[in-house]
Amino acid sequence: MPQTQPATQPPSRLAQRRTPLTTGGMEKFLRQQGIPSPCYRAWVGGQSFKELIAMNPTWKLRRWQELVLENLDILQADEEFCAGLGKAQEATG
């Protein structure tokens, strides 16, 4: 009998090309990918979502999603780093 592959999370839908880049859209997409916001922010140098949007005023949400997906393996491979961020936040929070 053939073995079945474990169920994987279905890929998130990408935003339409005209959808503006917003903090809410960024947070939702990261959540869907299983990437904690503090981990992503640390990966981009500690910038807030608002700062990223201000630095890239013409970007659309889909373009940003594509950049995250291109680097998804790096972000997910840094689980130990992300876990450390969570512990640091709990200690200071």
C-alpha atoms as a PDB file:
ATOM      1  CA  MET A   1       0.000   0.000   0.000  1.00  0.00           C
ATOM      2  CA  PRO A   2       1.517   3.392  -0.946  1.00  0.00           C
ATOM      3  CA  GLN A   3       2.381   5.725   1.885  1.00  0.00           C
ATOM      4  CA  THR A   4       0.640   9.052   1.949  1.00  0.00           C
ATOM      5  CA  GLN A   5       2.500  12.260   2.483  1.00  0.00           C
ATOM      6  CA  PRO A   6       1.733  14.202   5.680  1.00  0.00           C
ATOM      7  CA  ALA A   7      -0.751  16.991   5.221  1.00  0.00           C
ATOM      8  CA  THR A   8       0.892  20.339   4.671  1.00  0.00           C
ATOM      9  CA  GLN A   9      -0.517  23.774   5.208  1.00  0.00           C
ATOM     10  CA  PRO A  10      -2.083  25.061   1.986  1.00  0.00           C
ATOM     11  CA  PRO A  11      -0.219  28.010   0.531  1.00  0.00           C
ATOM     12  CA  SER A  12      -1.574  31.424   1.391  1.00  0.00           C
ATOM     13  CA  ARG A  13      -3.156  33.377  -1.381  1.00  0.00           C
ATOM     14  CA  LEU A  14      -1.213  36.354  -2.533  1.00  0.00           C
ATOM     15  CA  ALA A  15      -2.823  39.764  -2.567  1.00  0.00           C
ATOM     16  CA  GLN A  16      -3.971  41.338  -5.792  1.00  0.00           C
ATOM     17  CA  ARG A  17      -1.300  43.358  -7.522  1.00  0.00           C
ATOM     18  CA  ARG A  18      -3.010  46.677  -6.708  1.00  0.00           C
ATOM     19  CA  THR A  19      -3.457  46.063  -2.974  1.00  0.00           C
ATOM     20  CA  PRO A  20      -1.531  48.694  -1.008  1.00  0.00           C
ATOM     21  CA  LEU A  21       1.088  47.649   1.518  1.00  0.00           C
ATOM     22  CA  THR A  22      -0.389  48.000   5.015  1.00  0.00           C
ATOM     23  CA  THR A  23       0.736  46.969   8.475  1.00  0.00           C
ATOM     24  CA  GLY A  24      -2.374  44.812   8.868  1.00  0.00           C
ATOM     25  CA  GLY A  25      -1.718  42.990   5.599  1.00  0.00           C
ATOM     26  CA  MET A  26       1.897  42.389   6.578  1.00  0.00           C
ATOM     27  CA  GLU A  27       0.974  41.029  10.016  1.00  0.00           C
ATOM     28  CA  LYS A  28      -1.723  38.756   8.599  1.00  0.00           C
ATOM     29  CA  PHE A  29       0.588  37.284   5.957  1.00  0.00           C
ATOM     30  CA  LEU A  30       3.377  36.630   8.462  1.00  0.00           C
ATOM     31  CA  ARG A  31       0.855  34.906  10.751  1.00  0.00           C
ATOM     32  CA  GLN A  32      -0.295  32.719   7.859  1.00  0.00           C
ATOM     33  CA  GLN A  33       3.316  31.735   7.186  1.00  0.00           C
ATOM     34  CA  GLY A  34       3.988  30.980  10.848  1.00  0.00           C
ATOM     35  CA  ILE A  35       6.575  33.739  11.197  1.00  0.00           C
ATOM     36  CA  PRO A  36       6.392  35.787  14.411  1.00  0.00           C
ATOM     37  CA  SER A  37       6.374  39.530  13.726  1.00  0.00           C
ATOM     38  CA  PRO A  38       9.317  40.188  16.103  1.00  0.00           C
ATOM     39  CA  CYS A  39      11.368  37.592  14.218  1.00  0.00           C
ATOM     40  CA  TYR A  40      10.664  39.237  10.858  1.00  0.00           C
ATOM     41  CA  ARG A  41      11.352  42.703  12.261  1.00  0.00           C
ATOM     42  CA  ALA A  42      14.683  41.552  13.676  1.00  0.00           C
ATOM     43  CA  TRP A  43      15.521  39.994  10.321  1.00  0.00           C
ATOM     44  CA  VAL A  44      14.972  43.349   8.570  1.00  0.00           C
ATOM     45  CA  GLY A  45      17.081  45.253  11.060  1.00  0.00           C
ATOM     46  CA  GLY A  46      14.476  46.088  13.689  1.00  0.00           C
ATOM     47  CA  GLN A  47      12.422  48.396  11.508  1.00  0.00           C
ATOM     48  CA  SER A  48       8.731  48.681  12.265  1.00  0.00           C
ATOM     49  CA  PHE A  49       6.169  47.868   9.602  1.00  0.00           C
ATOM     50  CA  LYS A  50       5.350  51.576   9.330  1.00  0.00           C
ATOM     51  CA  GLU A  51       9.016  52.394   8.721  1.00  0.00           C
ATOM     52  CA  LEU A  52       9.232  49.760   5.976  1.00  0.00           C
ATOM     53  CA  ILE A  53       6.135  51.179   4.303  1.00  0.00           C
ATOM     54  CA  ALA A  54       7.503  54.738   4.542  1.00  0.00           C
ATOM     55  CA  MET A  55      10.807  53.630   2.989  1.00  0.00           C
ATOM     56  CA  ASN A  56       8.982  51.873   0.131  1.00  0.00           C
ATOM     57  CA  PRO A  57       5.926  54.047  -0.592  1.00  0.00           C
ATOM     58  CA  THR A  58       5.245  52.580  -4.037  1.00  0.00           C
ATOM     59  CA  TRP A  59       5.369  48.925  -2.964  1.00  0.00           C
ATOM     60  CA  LYS A  60       2.236  46.877  -3.069  1.00  0.00           C
ATOM     61  CA  LEU A  61       1.398  44.103  -0.598  1.00  0.00           C
ATOM     62  CA  ARG A  62       1.926  41.392  -3.204  1.00  0.00           C
ATOM     63  CA  ARG A  63       5.504  42.512  -3.906  1.00  0.00           C
ATOM     64  CA  TRP A  64       6.323  42.406  -0.214  1.00  0.00           C
ATOM     65  CA  GLN A  65       4.693  38.948   0.071  1.00  0.00           C
ATOM     66  CA  GLU A  66       6.849  37.714  -2.788  1.00  0.00           C
ATOM     67  CA  LEU A  67       9.983  38.970  -1.018  1.00  0.00           C
ATOM     68  CA  VAL A  68       8.973  37.167   2.179  1.00  0.00           C
ATOM     69  CA  LEU A  69       8.309  33.954   0.241  1.00  0.00           C
ATOM     70  CA  GLU A  70      11.686  34.202  -1.504  1.00  0.00           C
ATOM     71  CA  ASN A  71      13.337  34.259   1.922  1.00  0.00           C
ATOM     72  CA  LEU A  72      10.924  31.943   3.724  1.00  0.00           C
ATOM     73  CA  ASP A  73      13.488  29.172   4.124  1.00  0.00           C
ATOM     74  CA  ILE A  74      15.874  31.583   5.856  1.00  0.00           C
ATOM     75  CA  LEU A  75      13.174  32.945   8.140  1.00  0.00           C
ATOM     76  CA  GLN A  76      11.896  29.480   9.072  1.00  0.00           C
ATOM     77  CA  ALA A  77      15.412  28.092   9.534  1.00  0.00           C
ATOM     78  CA  ASP A  78      16.072  30.713  12.181  1.00  0.00           C
ATOM     79  CA  GLU A  79      13.645  29.102  14.645  1.00  0.00           C
ATOM     80  CA  GLU A  80      16.227  29.132  17.425  1.00  0.00           C
ATOM     81  CA  PHE A  81      16.810  32.843  16.889  1.00  0.00           C
ATOM     82  CA  CYS A  82      13.054  33.510  16.875  1.00  0.00           C
ATOM     83  CA  ALA A  83      12.554  31.430  20.021  1.00  0.00           C
ATOM     84  CA  GLY A  84      15.239  33.514  21.717  1.00  0.00           C
ATOM     85  CA  LEU A  85      13.403  36.709  20.737  1.00  0.00           C
ATOM     86  CA  GLY A  86      10.212  35.381  22.296  1.00  0.00           C
ATOM     87  CA  LYS A  87      11.985  34.560  25.557  1.00  0.00           C
ATOM     88  CA  ALA A  88      13.618  37.998  25.645  1.00  0.00           C
ATOM     89  CA  GLN A  89      10.234  39.693  25.156  1.00  0.00           C
ATOM     90  CA  GLU A  90       8.661  37.625  27.945  1.00  0.00           C
ATOM     91  CA  ALA A  91      11.473  38.614  30.295  1.00  0.00           C
ATOM     92  CA  THR A  92      11.071  42.317  29.539  1.00  0.00           C
ATOM     93  CA  GLY A  93       7.274  42.298  29.127  1.00  0.00           C
END
